[in-house]
Every structure is written in C-alpha cells, then in structure tokens.
Amino acid sequence: MLKKIILGVGIASLVFFAATPALAQFGLDKSGTNAGYSESPSVYSTISTVISMGLSLAGLVFLGIMFYGGLRWMTARGDEEKATKAKEAIFEAMIGFILVILSYGISAFVFSRLIK
C-alpha cells in the first residue's frame, strides 16, 4: 500500500512540477505584458481591490459567527436562554451579512461610475 502511495505522489509531482521551468522561459516583463499587467493600476482600481478584500474578510467573519451561533444552538440541550442567545447571534450575523452585501453593491456602483 505504501508503494502505491509513493508511486502516486511521484507521478503527481512529475505532472505538476514538470511545466514549471517552461513558465520561466521568458522574463517577468514579457510574461506580465502577455498577462495584461503592462500598466500600473489606477488609484480607483487599487481602492476597489482593498474594499473588495475587506468585504471578503467581513463575509468570512459572518460565516464564522453563523457557525458559532449554530454550534451554540445545537449544544443548548433544551436550555431556552442559551438557545435564545444563539438565535440572536445568528440573527445579528444575518443583519451583518445584509449590510456587507449592500455595501458591496454601493461600492461597486460608485467605482463603476468613477472609472467611466
């Protein structure tokens, strides 16, 4: 069994890492130009990227709070006070998620108008 695993990892390594030297055939300048990165990003696109990353982080926080609230609700074991607190956490996370979605929509609208 161990031989099969080692053989599988070896074949996968050959498949994935064999093309790596081919990627370095040209310089970074030519590769970047071919990928469409010949110009430096504008201020608007940089700010838009930062806002998108922040909203993505907020979405991950929402997911964590939802998971935590669900876990608390499952482990309440019939205790109404714990279940109520868990429901409140889930409700507040949903409100936060709605705010994140709205702020993303507003920022996308504003930056699409600024770039034009």
PDB file of N, CA and C in Angstrom:
ATOM      1  N   MET A   1       0.823  -1.186   0.000  1.00  0.00           N
ATOM      2  CA  MET A   1       0.000   0.000   0.000  1.00  0.00           C
ATOM      3  C   MET A   1       0.873   1.259   0.000  1.00  0.00           C
ATOM      4  N   LEU A   2       1.948   1.230   0.787  1.00  0.00           N
ATOM      5  CA  LEU A   2       2.846   2.374   0.870  1.00  0.00           C
ATOM      6  C   LEU A   2       3.524   2.634  -0.474  1.00  0.00           C
ATOM      7  N   LYS A   3       3.845   1.564  -1.195  1.00  0.00           N
ATOM      8  CA  LYS A   3       4.473   1.726  -2.502  1.00  0.00           C
ATOM      9  C   LYS A   3       3.532   2.416  -3.486  1.00  0.00           C
ATOM     10  N   LYS A   4       2.229   2.094  -3.404  1.00  0.00           N
ATOM     11  CA  LYS A   4       1.255   2.730  -4.290  1.00  0.00           C
ATOM     12  C   LYS A   4       1.133   4.221  -3.983  1.00  0.00           C
ATOM     13  N   ILE A   5       1.157   4.561  -2.711  1.00  0.00           N
ATOM     14  CA  ILE A   5       1.063   5.972  -2.321  1.00  0.00           C
ATOM     15  C   ILE A   5       2.291   6.734  -2.802  1.00  0.00           C
ATOM     16  N   ILE A   6       3.469   6.150  -2.594  1.00  0.00           N
ATOM     17  CA  ILE A   6       4.704   6.808  -3.031  1.00  0.00           C
ATOM     18  C   ILE A   6       4.719   6.949  -4.550  1.00  0.00           C
ATOM     19  N   LEU A   7       4.277   5.928  -5.261  1.00  0.00           N
ATOM     20  CA  LEU A   7       4.215   5.992  -6.717  1.00  0.00           C
ATOM     21  C   LEU A   7       3.232   7.070  -7.171  1.00  0.00           C
ATOM     22  N   GLY A   8       2.079   7.143  -6.526  1.00  0.00           N
ATOM     23  CA  GLY A   8       1.085   8.163  -6.881  1.00  0.00           C
ATOM     24  C   GLY A   8       1.588   9.568  -6.632  1.00  0.00           C
ATOM     25  N   VAL A   9       2.243   9.783  -5.500  1.00  0.00           N
ATOM     26  CA  VAL A   9       2.802  11.106  -5.195  1.00  0.00           C
ATOM     27  C   VAL A   9       3.911  11.446  -6.182  1.00  0.00           C
ATOM     28  N   GLY A  10       4.721  10.470  -6.543  1.00  0.00           N
ATOM     29  CA  GLY A  10       5.795  10.708  -7.511  1.00  0.00           C
ATOM     30  C   GLY A  10       5.259  11.086  -8.881  1.00  0.00           C
ATOM     31  N   ILE A  11       4.241  10.391  -9.344  1.00  0.00           N
ATOM     32  CA  ILE A  11       3.650  10.709 -10.648  1.00  0.00           C
ATOM     33  C   ILE A  11       2.989  12.080 -10.614  1.00  0.00           C
ATOM     34  N   ALA A  12       2.272  12.373  -9.527  1.00  0.00           N
ATOM     35  CA  ALA A  12       1.636  13.690  -9.401  1.00  0.00           C
ATOM     36  C   ALA A  12       2.681  14.800  -9.385  1.00  0.00           C
ATOM     37  N   SER A  13       3.800  14.560  -8.726  1.00  0.00           N
ATOM     38  CA  SER A  13       4.873  15.559  -8.697  1.00  0.00           C
ATOM     39  C   SER A  13       5.434  15.799 -10.091  1.00  0.00           C
ATOM     40  N   LEU A  14       5.626  14.740 -10.840  1.00  0.00           N
ATOM     41  CA  LEU A  14       6.131  14.898 -12.201  1.00  0.00           C
ATOM     42  C   LEU A  14       5.152  15.675 -13.069  1.00  0.00           C
ATOM     43  N   VAL A  15       3.872  15.390 -12.920  1.00  0.00           N
ATOM     44  CA  VAL A  15       2.869  16.067 -13.741  1.00  0.00           C
ATOM     45  C   VAL A  15       2.792  17.548 -13.404  1.00  0.00           C
ATOM     46  N   PHE A  16       2.773  17.882 -12.122  1.00  0.00           N
ATOM     47  CA  PHE A  16       2.571  19.270 -11.721  1.00  0.00           C
ATOM     48  C   PHE A  16       3.835  20.118 -11.810  1.00  0.00           C
ATOM     49  N   PHE A  17       4.978  19.538 -11.553  1.00  0.00           N
ATOM     50  CA  PHE A  17       6.198  20.330 -11.494  1.00  0.00           C
ATOM     51  C   PHE A  17       7.033  20.264 -12.764  1.00  0.00           C
ATOM     52  N   ALA A  18       6.644  19.481 -13.741  1.00  0.00           N
ATOM     53  CA  ALA A  18       7.423  19.377 -14.971  1.00  0.00           C
ATOM     54  C   ALA A  18       7.309  20.644 -15.811  1.00  0.00           C
ATOM     55  N   ALA A  19       6.190  21.347 -15.746  1.00  0.00           N
ATOM     56  CA  ALA A  19       5.987  22.536 -16.576  1.00  0.00           C
ATOM     57  C   ALA A  19       6.518  23.806 -15.927  1.00  0.00           C
ATOM     58  N   THR A  20       6.986  23.750 -14.706  1.00  0.00           N
ATOM     59  CA  THR A  20       7.454  24.949 -14.010  1.00  0.00           C
ATOM     60  C   THR A  20       8.616  25.635 -14.727  1.00  0.00           C
ATOM     61  N   PRO A  21       9.636  24.931 -15.218  1.00  0.00           N
ATOM     62  CA  PRO A  21      10.702  25.641 -15.941  1.00  0.00           C
ATOM     63  C   PRO A  21      10.199  26.312 -17.219  1.00  0.00           C
ATOM     64  N   ALA A  22       9.164  25.785 -17.844  1.00  0.00           N
ATOM     65  CA  ALA A  22       8.632  26.397 -19.058  1.00  0.00           C
ATOM     66  C   ALA A  22       8.008  27.750 -18.760  1.00  0.00           C
ATOM     67  N   LEU A  23       7.511  27.948 -17.556  1.00  0.00           N
ATOM     68  CA  LEU A  23       6.926  29.230 -17.192  1.00  0.00           C
ATOM     69  C   LEU A  23       7.991  30.311 -17.059  1.00  0.00           C
ATOM     70  N   ALA A  24       9.220  29.921 -16.808  1.00  0.00           N
ATOM     71  CA  ALA A  24      10.310  30.879 -16.644  1.00  0.00           C
ATOM     72  C   ALA A  24      11.080  31.096 -17.943  1.00  0.00           C
ATOM     73  N   GLN A  25      10.521  30.668 -19.051  1.00  0.00           N
ATOM     74  CA  GLN A  25      11.215  30.769 -20.324  1.00  0.00           C
ATOM     75  C   GLN A  25      11.435  32.222 -20.725  1.00  0.00           C
ATOM     76  N   PHE A  26      10.437  33.057 -20.534  1.00  0.00           N
ATOM     77  CA  PHE A  26      10.558  34.477 -20.843  1.00  0.00           C
ATOM     78  C   PHE A  26      10.818  35.218 -19.546  1.00  0.00           C
ATOM     79  N   GLY A  27      11.129  36.480 -19.629  1.00  0.00           N
ATOM     80  CA  GLY A  27      11.345  37.274 -18.432  1.00  0.00           C
ATOM     81  C   GLY A  27      10.019  37.687 -17.807  1.00  0.00           C
ATOM     82  N   LEU A  28      10.115  38.315 -16.658  1.00  0.00           N
ATOM     83  CA  LEU A  28       8.908  38.788 -15.993  1.00  0.00           C
ATOM     84  C   LEU A  28       8.219  39.878 -16.796  1.00  0.00           C
ATOM     85  N   ASP A  29       8.991  40.701 -17.481  1.00  0.00           N
ATOM     86  CA  ASP A  29       8.393  41.787 -18.254  1.00  0.00           C
ATOM     87  C   ASP A  29       7.491  41.244 -19.355  1.00  0.00           C
ATOM     88  N   LYS A  30       7.992  40.285 -20.102  1.00  0.00           N
ATOM     89  CA  LYS A  30       7.203  39.744 -21.207  1.00  0.00           C
ATOM     90  C   LYS A  30       6.015  38.933 -20.691  1.00  0.00           C
ATOM     91  N   SER A  31       6.223  38.170 -19.635  1.00  0.00           N
ATOM     92  CA  SER A  31       5.120  37.390 -19.072  1.00  0.00           C
ATOM     93  C   SER A  31       4.037  38.306 -18.518  1.00  0.00           C
ATOM     94  N   GLY A  32       4.440  39.389 -17.848  1.00  0.00           N
ATOM     95  CA  GLY A  32       3.465  40.335 -17.313  1.00  0.00           C
ATOM     96  C   GLY A  32       2.701  41.045 -18.410  1.00  0.00           C
ATOM     97  N   THR A  33       3.396  41.407 -19.489  1.00  0.00           N
ATOM     98  CA  THR A  33       2.730  42.064 -20.613  1.00  0.00           C
ATOM     99  C   THR A  33       1.738  41.120 -21.269  1.00  0.00           C
ATOM    100  N   ASN A  34       2.114  39.855 -21.436  1.00  0.00           N
ATOM    101  CA  ASN A  34       1.202  38.879 -22.028  1.00  0.00           C
ATOM    102  C   ASN A  34      -0.016  38.635 -21.149  1.00  0.00           C
ATOM    103  N   ALA A  35       0.154  38.777 -19.845  1.00  0.00           N
ATOM    104  CA  ALA A  35      -0.966  38.568 -18.929  1.00  0.00           C
ATOM    105  C   ALA A  35      -1.828  39.811 -18.783  1.00  0.00           C
ATOM    106  N   GLY A  36      -1.421  40.932 -19.369  1.00  0.00           N
ATOM    107  CA  GLY A  36      -2.223  42.145 -19.305  1.00  0.00           C
ATOM    108  C   GLY A  36      -1.851  43.078 -18.177  1.00  0.00           C
ATOM    109  N   TYR A  37      -0.677  42.905 -17.604  1.00  0.00           N
ATOM    110  CA  TYR A  37      -0.236  43.751 -16.499  1.00  0.00           C
ATOM    111  C   TYR A  37       0.833  44.739 -16.946  1.00  0.00           C
ATOM    112  N   SER A  38       0.679  45.293 -18.133  1.00  0.00           N
ATOM    113  CA  SER A  38       1.705  46.199 -18.631  1.00  0.00           C
ATOM    114  C   SER A  38       1.581  47.590 -18.028  1.00  0.00           C
ATOM    115  N   GLU A  39       0.397  47.945 -17.582  1.00  0.00           N
ATOM    116  CA  GLU A  39       0.195  49.265 -16.998  1.00  0.00           C
ATOM    117  C   GLU A  39       0.095  49.151 -15.486  1.00  0.00           C
ATOM    118  N   SER A  40       0.479  50.214 -14.816  1.00  0.00           N
ATOM    119  CA  SER A  40       0.326  50.215 -13.363  1.00  0.00           C
ATOM    120  C   SER A  40      -1.146  50.461 -13.036  1.00  0.00           C
ATOM    121  N   PRO A  41      -1.628  49.881 -11.950  1.00  0.00           N
ATOM    122  CA  PRO A  41      -3.053  50.031 -11.626  1.00  0.00           C
ATOM    123  C   PRO A  41      -3.378  51.466 -11.210  1.00  0.00           C
ATOM    124  N   SER A  42      -4.604  51.875 -11.510  1.00  0.00           N
ATOM    125  CA  SER A  42      -5.028  53.217 -11.137  1.00  0.00           C
ATOM    126  C   SER A  42      -5.397  53.251  -9.657  1.00  0.00           C
ATOM    127  N   VAL A  43      -5.575  54.449  -9.155  1.00  0.00           N
ATOM    128  CA  VAL A  43      -5.942  54.619  -7.748  1.00  0.00           C
ATOM    129  C   VAL A  43      -7.310  54.001  -7.493  1.00  0.00           C
ATOM    130  N   TYR A  44      -8.226  54.185  -8.450  1.00  0.00           N
ATOM    131  CA  TYR A  44      -9.573  53.651  -8.283  1.00  0.00           C
ATOM    132  C   TYR A  44      -9.567  52.126  -8.195  1.00  0.00           C
ATOM    133  N   SER A  45      -8.781  51.490  -9.057  1.00  0.00           N
ATOM    134  CA  SER A  45      -8.754  50.027  -9.025  1.00  0.00           C
ATOM    135  C   SER A  45      -8.084  49.515  -7.758  1.00  0.00           C
ATOM    136  N   THR A  46      -7.086  50.230  -7.258  1.00  0.00           N
ATOM    137  CA  THR A  46      -6.434  49.823  -6.012  1.00  0.00           C
ATOM    138  C   THR A  46      -7.390  49.939  -4.836  1.00  0.00           C
ATOM    139  N   ILE A  47      -8.112  51.058  -4.761  1.00  0.00           N
ATOM    140  CA  ILE A  47      -9.082  51.241  -3.677  1.00  0.00           C
ATOM    141  C   ILE A  47     -10.199  50.214  -3.792  1.00  0.00           C
ATOM    142  N   SER A  48     -10.640  49.951  -5.011  1.00  0.00           N
ATOM    143  CA  SER A  48     -11.681  48.947  -5.220  1.00  0.00           C
ATOM    144  C   SER A  48     -11.219  47.565  -4.767  1.00  0.00           C
ATOM    145  N   THR A  49      -9.975  47.235  -5.035  1.00  0.00           N
ATOM    146  CA  THR A  49      -9.431  45.949  -4.603  1.00  0.00           C
ATOM    147  C   THR A  49      -9.367  45.860  -3.084  1.00  0.00           C
ATOM    148  N   VAL A  50      -8.948  46.939  -2.440  1.00  0.00           N
ATOM    149  CA  VAL A  50      -8.870  46.949  -0.975  1.00  0.00           C
ATOM    150  C   VAL A  50     -10.261  46.795  -0.365  1.00  0.00           C
ATOM    151  N   ILE A  51     -11.246  47.499  -0.928  1.00  0.00           N
ATOM    152  CA  ILE A  51     -12.615  47.386  -0.413  1.00  0.00           C
ATOM    153  C   ILE A  51     -13.145  45.974  -0.623  1.00  0.00           C
ATOM    154  N   SER A  52     -12.885  45.391  -1.776  1.00  0.00           N
ATOM    155  CA  SER A  52     -13.340  44.019  -2.033  1.00  0.00           C
ATOM    156  C   SER A  52     -12.708  43.030  -1.061  1.00  0.00           C
ATOM    157  N   MET A  53     -11.429  43.223  -0.758  1.00  0.00           N
ATOM    158  CA  MET A  53     -10.766  42.336   0.198  1.00  0.00           C
ATOM    159  C   MET A  53     -11.361  42.501   1.593  1.00  0.00           C
ATOM    160  N   GLY A  54     -11.647  43.746   1.978  1.00  0.00           N
ATOM    161  CA  GLY A  54     -12.265  43.993   3.283  1.00  0.00           C
ATOM    162  C   GLY A  54     -13.645  43.375   3.385  1.00  0.00           C
ATOM    163  N   LEU A  55     -14.422  43.489   2.309  1.00  0.00           N
ATOM    164  CA  LEU A  55     -15.756  42.896   2.324  1.00  0.00           C
ATOM    165  C   LEU A  55     -15.681  41.368   2.309  1.00  0.00           C
ATOM    166  N   SER A  56     -14.673  40.822   1.666  1.00  0.00           N
ATOM    167  CA  SER A  56     -14.481  39.368   1.710  1.00  0.00           C
ATOM    168  C   SER A  56     -14.149  38.912   3.120  1.00  0.00           C
ATOM    169  N   LEU A  57     -13.317  39.675   3.798  1.00  0.00           N
ATOM    170  CA  LEU A  57     -12.996  39.368   5.189  1.00  0.00           C
ATOM    171  C   LEU A  57     -14.244  39.458   6.060  1.00  0.00           C
ATOM    172  N   ALA A  58     -15.077  40.467   5.818  1.00  0.00           N
ATOM    173  CA  ALA A  58     -16.324  40.598   6.573  1.00  0.00           C
ATOM    174  C   ALA A  58     -17.247  39.414   6.306  1.00  0.00           C
ATOM    175  N   GLY A  59     -17.253  38.919   5.080  1.00  0.00           N
ATOM    176  CA  GLY A  59     -18.044  37.730   4.765  1.00  0.00           C
ATOM    177  C   GLY A  59     -17.545  36.504   5.508  1.00  0.00           C
ATOM    178  N   LEU A  60     -16.230  36.379   5.646  1.00  0.00           N
ATOM    179  CA  LEU A  60     -15.678  35.261   6.414  1.00  0.00           C
ATOM    180  C   LEU A  60     -16.030  35.369   7.895  1.00  0.00           C
ATOM    181  N   VAL A  61     -16.034  36.598   8.407  1.00  0.00           N
ATOM    182  CA  VAL A  61     -16.441  36.804   9.800  1.00  0.00           C
ATOM    183  C   VAL A  61     -17.903  36.413   9.969  1.00  0.00           C
ATOM    184  N   PHE A  62     -18.745  36.791   9.007  1.00  0.00           N
ATOM    185  CA  PHE A  62     -20.150  36.387   9.036  1.00  0.00           C
ATOM    186  C   PHE A  62     -20.279  34.870   9.090  1.00  0.00           C
ATOM    187  N   LEU A  63     -19.536  34.198   8.258  1.00  0.00           N
ATOM    188  CA  LEU A  63     -19.596  32.739   8.227  1.00  0.00           C
ATOM    189  C   LEU A  63     -19.180  32.145   9.566  1.00  0.00           C
ATOM    190  N   GLY A  64     -18.142  32.699  10.173  1.00  0.00           N
ATOM    191  CA  GLY A  64     -17.693  32.220  11.481  1.00  0.00           C
ATOM    192  C   GLY A  64     -18.734  32.441  12.562  1.00  0.00           C
ATOM    193  N   ILE A  65     -19.375  33.618  12.558  1.00  0.00           N
ATOM    194  CA  ILE A  65     -20.402  33.893  13.566  1.00  0.00           C
ATOM    195  C   ILE A  65     -21.608  32.989  13.359  1.00  0.00           C
ATOM    196  N   MET A  66     -21.974  32.741  12.107  1.00  0.00           N
ATOM    197  CA  MET A  66     -23.092  31.824  11.836  1.00  0.00           C
ATOM    198  C   MET A  66     -22.763  30.420  12.341  1.00  0.00           C
ATOM    199  N   PHE A  67     -21.557  29.972  12.082  1.00  0.00           N
ATOM    200  CA  PHE A  67     -21.137  28.652  12.545  1.00  0.00           C
ATOM    201  C   PHE A  67     -21.154  28.585  14.070  1.00  0.00           C
ATOM    202  N   TYR A  68     -20.638  29.630  14.709  1.00  0.00           N
ATOM    203  CA  TYR A  68     -20.598  29.678  16.168  1.00  0.00           C
ATOM    204  C   TYR A  68     -22.013  29.695  16.749  1.00  0.00           C
ATOM    205  N   GLY A  69     -22.901  30.489  16.164  1.00  0.00           N
ATOM    206  CA  GLY A  69     -24.286  30.532  16.639  1.00  0.00           C
ATOM    207  C   GLY A  69     -24.986  29.198  16.462  1.00  0.00           C
ATOM    208  N   GLY A  70     -24.765  28.556  15.333  1.00  0.00           N
ATOM    209  CA  GLY A  70     -25.363  27.242  15.108  1.00  0.00           C
ATOM    210  C   GLY A  70     -24.833  26.200  16.077  1.00  0.00           C
ATOM    211  N   LEU A  71     -23.539  26.271  16.359  1.00  0.00           N
ATOM    212  CA  LEU A  71     -22.940  25.339  17.315  1.00  0.00           C
ATOM    213  C   LEU A  71     -23.508  25.557  18.714  1.00  0.00           C
ATOM    214  N   ARG A  72     -23.667  26.826  19.089  1.00  0.00           N
ATOM    215  CA  ARG A  72     -24.249  27.131  20.406  1.00  0.00           C
ATOM    216  C   ARG A  72     -25.694  26.658  20.489  1.00  0.00           C
ATOM    217  N   TRP A  73     -26.428  26.793  19.394  1.00  0.00           N
ATOM    218  CA  TRP A  73     -27.827  26.372  19.386  1.00  0.00           C
ATOM    219  C   TRP A  73     -27.921  24.851  19.510  1.00  0.00           C
ATOM    220  N   MET A  74     -27.030  24.143  18.812  1.00  0.00           N
ATOM    221  CA  MET A  74     -27.059  22.680  18.883  1.00  0.00           C
ATOM    222  C   MET A  74     -26.660  22.170  20.258  1.00  0.00           C
ATOM    223  N   THR A  75     -25.763  22.883  20.925  1.00  0.00           N
ATOM    224  CA  THR A  75     -25.297  22.420  22.233  1.00  0.00           C
ATOM    225  C   THR A  75     -26.088  23.023  23.389  1.00  0.00           C
ATOM    226  N   ALA A  76     -27.193  23.707  23.088  1.00  0.00           N
ATOM    227  CA  ALA A  76     -28.009  24.302  24.151  1.00  0.00           C
ATOM    228  C   ALA A  76     -28.707  23.228  24.984  1.00  0.00           C
ATOM    229  N   ARG A  77     -29.001  22.100  24.387  1.00  0.00           N
ATOM    230  CA  ARG A  77     -29.626  20.957  25.069  1.00  0.00           C
ATOM    231  C   ARG A  77     -30.923  21.339  25.774  1.00  0.00           C
ATOM    232  N   GLY A  78     -31.744  22.102  25.103  1.00  0.00           N
ATOM    233  CA  GLY A  78     -33.051  22.441  25.660  1.00  0.00           C
ATOM    234  C   GLY A  78     -33.057  23.644  26.574  1.00  0.00           C
ATOM    235  N   ASP A  79     -31.910  24.220  26.855  1.00  0.00           N
ATOM    236  CA  ASP A  79     -31.854  25.408  27.696  1.00  0.00           C
ATOM    237  C   ASP A  79     -32.309  26.603  26.855  1.00  0.00           C
ATOM    238  N   GLU A  80     -33.459  27.176  27.220  1.00  0.00           N
ATOM    239  CA  GLU A  80     -34.052  28.251  26.430  1.00  0.00           C
ATOM    240  C   GLU A  80     -33.167  29.496  26.376  1.00  0.00           C
ATOM    241  N   GLU A  81     -32.483  29.801  27.454  1.00  0.00           N
ATOM    242  CA  GLU A  81     -31.643  31.001  27.490  1.00  0.00           C
ATOM    243  C   GLU A  81     -30.471  30.880  26.509  1.00  0.00           C
ATOM    244  N   LYS A  82     -29.822  29.721  26.504  1.00  0.00           N
ATOM    245  CA  LYS A  82     -28.706  29.508  25.575  1.00  0.00           C
ATOM    246  C   LYS A  82     -29.190  29.488  24.125  1.00  0.00           C
ATOM    247  N   ALA A  83     -30.347  28.858  23.904  1.00  0.00           N
ATOM    248  CA  ALA A  83     -30.892  28.803  22.546  1.00  0.00           C
ATOM    249  C   ALA A  83     -31.268  30.197  22.060  1.00  0.00           C
ATOM    250  N   THR A  84     -31.818  31.018  22.942  1.00  0.00           N
ATOM    251  CA  THR A  84     -32.183  32.385  22.566  1.00  0.00           C
ATOM    252  C   THR A  84     -30.944  33.205  22.224  1.00  0.00           C
ATOM    253  N   LYS A  85     -29.881  33.061  23.012  1.00  0.00           N
ATOM    254  CA  LYS A  85     -28.641  33.781  22.716  1.00  0.00           C
ATOM    255  C   LYS A  85     -28.054  33.334  21.374  1.00  0.00           C
ATOM    256  N   ALA A  86     -28.148  32.048  21.097  1.00  0.00           N
ATOM    257  CA  ALA A  86     -27.643  31.535  19.825  1.00  0.00           C
ATOM    258  C   ALA A  86     -28.466  32.083  18.665  1.00  0.00           C
ATOM    259  N   LYS A  87     -29.788  32.128  18.819  1.00  0.00           N
ATOM    260  CA  LYS A  87     -30.647  32.678  17.769  1.00  0.00           C
ATOM    261  C   LYS A  87     -30.343  34.157  17.545  1.00  0.00           C
ATOM    262  N   GLU A  88     -30.083  34.888  18.626  1.00  0.00           N
ATOM    263  CA  GLU A  88     -29.738  36.306  18.496  1.00  0.00           C
ATOM    264  C   GLU A  88     -28.419  36.479  17.744  1.00  0.00           C
ATOM    265  N   ALA A  89     -27.452  35.613  18.026  1.00  0.00           N
ATOM    266  CA  ALA A  89     -26.165  35.693  17.319  1.00  0.00           C
ATOM    267  C   ALA A  89     -26.356  35.425  15.829  1.00  0.00           C
ATOM    268  N   ILE A  90     -27.178  34.442  15.501  1.00  0.00           N
ATOM    269  CA  ILE A  90     -27.437  34.129  14.096  1.00  0.00           C
ATOM    270  C   ILE A  90     -28.165  35.286  13.424  1.00  0.00           C
ATOM    271  N   PHE A  91     -29.153  35.867  14.117  1.00  0.00           N
ATOM    272  CA  PHE A  91     -29.905  36.993  13.565  1.00  0.00           C
ATOM    273  C   PHE A  91     -28.992  38.200  13.326  1.00  0.00           C
ATOM    274  N   GLU A  92     -28.133  38.489  14.280  1.00  0.00           N
ATOM    275  CA  GLU A  92     -27.204  39.612  14.123  1.00  0.00           C
ATOM    276  C   GLU A  92     -26.202  39.356  12.998  1.00  0.00           C
ATOM    277  N   ALA A  93     -25.803  38.107  12.837  1.00  0.00           N
ATOM    278  CA  ALA A  93     -24.903  37.771  11.735  1.00  0.00           C
ATOM    279  C   ALA A  93     -25.606  37.966  10.392  1.00  0.00           C
ATOM    280  N   MET A  94     -26.877  37.622  10.322  1.00  0.00           N
ATOM    281  CA  MET A  94     -27.632  37.824   9.085  1.00  0.00           C
ATOM    282  C   MET A  94     -27.756  39.312   8.758  1.00  0.00           C
ATOM    283  N   ILE A  95     -27.993  40.140   9.766  1.00  0.00           N
ATOM    284  CA  ILE A  95     -28.053  41.584   9.545  1.00  0.00           C
ATOM    285  C   ILE A  95     -26.696  42.086   9.045  1.00  0.00           C
ATOM    286  N   GLY A  96     -25.624  41.603   9.641  1.00  0.00           N
ATOM    287  CA  GLY A  96     -24.289  41.974   9.179  1.00  0.00           C
ATOM    288  C   GLY A  96     -24.038  41.550   7.746  1.00  0.00           C
ATOM    289  N   PHE A  97     -24.511  40.369   7.384  1.00  0.00           N
ATOM    290  CA  PHE A  97     -24.344  39.882   6.016  1.00  0.00           C
ATOM    291  C   PHE A  97     -25.102  40.768   5.032  1.00  0.00           C
ATOM    292  N   ILE A  98     -26.310  41.164   5.403  1.00  0.00           N
ATOM    293  CA  ILE A  98     -27.091  42.054   4.539  1.00  0.00           C
ATOM    294  C   ILE A  98     -26.362  43.389   4.369  1.00  0.00           C
ATOM    295  N   LEU A  99     -25.786  43.903   5.448  1.00  0.00           N
ATOM    296  CA  LEU A  99     -25.027  45.156   5.355  1.00  0.00           C
ATOM    297  C   LEU A  99     -23.796  45.003   4.461  1.00  0.00           C
ATOM    298  N   VAL A 100     -23.135  43.863   4.540  1.00  0.00           N
ATOM    299  CA  VAL A 100     -21.966  43.619   3.682  1.00  0.00           C
ATOM    300  C   VAL A 100     -22.388  43.584   2.217  1.00  0.00           C
ATOM    301  N   ILE A 101     -23.485  42.902   1.924  1.00  0.00           N
ATOM    302  CA  ILE A 101     -23.971  42.826   0.543  1.00  0.00           C
ATOM    303  C   ILE A 101     -24.347  44.217   0.029  1.00  0.00           C
ATOM    304  N   LEU A 102     -25.051  44.993   0.854  1.00  0.00           N
ATOM    305  CA  LEU A 102     -25.434  46.347   0.446  1.00  0.00           C
ATOM    306  C   LEU A 102     -24.212  47.238   0.236  1.00  0.00           C
ATOM    307  N   SER A 103     -23.240  47.148   1.128  1.00  0.00           N
ATOM    308  CA  SER A 103     -22.046  47.982   0.970  1.00  0.00           C
ATOM    309  C   SER A 103     -21.246  47.573  -0.260  1.00  0.00           C
ATOM    310  N   TYR A 104     -21.225  46.292  -0.577  1.00  0.00           N
ATOM    311  CA  TYR A 104     -20.551  45.857  -1.795  1.00  0.00           C
ATOM    312  C   TYR A 104     -21.258  46.423  -3.024  1.00  0.00           C
ATOM    313  N   GLY A 105     -22.583  46.362  -3.025  1.00  0.00           N
ATOM    314  CA  GLY A 105     -23.339  46.901  -4.153  1.00  0.00           C
ATOM    315  C   GLY A 105     -23.119  48.391  -4.327  1.00  0.00           C
ATOM    316  N   ILE A 106     -23.129  49.124  -3.224  1.00  0.00           N
ATOM    317  CA  ILE A 106     -22.918  50.570  -3.294  1.00  0.00           C
ATOM    318  C   ILE A 106     -21.508  50.889  -3.783  1.00  0.00           C
ATOM    319  N   SER A 107     -20.511  50.202  -3.241  1.00  0.00           N
ATOM    320  CA  SER A 107     -19.133  50.485  -3.664  1.00  0.00           C
ATOM    321  C   SER A 107     -18.913  50.092  -5.124  1.00  0.00           C
ATOM    322  N   ALA A 108     -19.506  48.999  -5.566  1.00  0.00           N
ATOM    323  CA  ALA A 108     -19.367  48.605  -6.971  1.00  0.00           C
ATOM    324  C   ALA A 108     -20.018  49.640  -7.881  1.00  0.00           C
ATOM    325  N   PHE A 109     -21.179  50.149  -7.482  1.00  0.00           N
ATOM    326  CA  PHE A 109     -21.855  51.173  -8.279  1.00  0.00           C
ATOM    327  C   PHE A 109     -21.025  52.455  -8.340  1.00  0.00           C
ATOM    328  N   VAL A 110     -20.539  52.903  -7.197  1.00  0.00           N
ATOM    329  CA  VAL A 110     -19.771  54.151  -7.148  1.00  0.00           C
ATOM    330  C   VAL A 110     -18.490  54.031  -7.969  1.00  0.00           C
ATOM    331  N   PHE A 111     -17.756  52.943  -7.815  1.00  0.00           N
ATOM    332  CA  PHE A 111     -16.498  52.811  -8.548  1.00  0.00           C
ATOM    333  C   PHE A 111     -16.719  52.581 -10.035  1.00  0.00           C
ATOM    334  N   SER A 112     -17.833  51.952 -10.413  1.00  0.00           N
ATOM    335  CA  SER A 112     -18.107  51.816 -11.843  1.00  0.00           C
ATOM    336  C   SER A 112     -18.402  53.173 -12.463  1.00  0.00           C
ATOM    337  N   ARG A 113     -19.022  54.065 -11.705  1.00  0.00           N
ATOM    338  CA  ARG A 113     -19.284  55.426 -12.204  1.00  0.00           C
ATOM    339  C   ARG A 113     -18.003  56.272 -12.219  1.00  0.00           C
ATOM    340  N   LEU A 114     -17.131  56.080 -11.252  1.00  0.00           N
ATOM    341  CA  LEU A 114     -15.896  56.864 -11.204  1.00  0.00           C
ATOM    342  C   LEU A 114     -14.924  56.469 -12.309  1.00  0.00           C
ATOM    343  N   ILE A 115     -14.896  55.209 -12.656  1.00  0.00           N
ATOM    344  CA  ILE A 115     -13.954  54.740 -13.671  1.00  0.00           C
ATOM    345  C   ILE A 115     -14.369  55.221 -15.058  1.00  0.00           C
ATOM    346  N   LYS A 116     -15.679  55.359 -15.292  1.00  0.00           N
ATOM    347  CA  LYS A 116     -16.149  55.845 -16.600  1.00  0.00           C
ATOM    348  C   LYS A 116     -15.805  57.249 -16.748  1.00  0.00           C
TER     349      LYS A 116
END
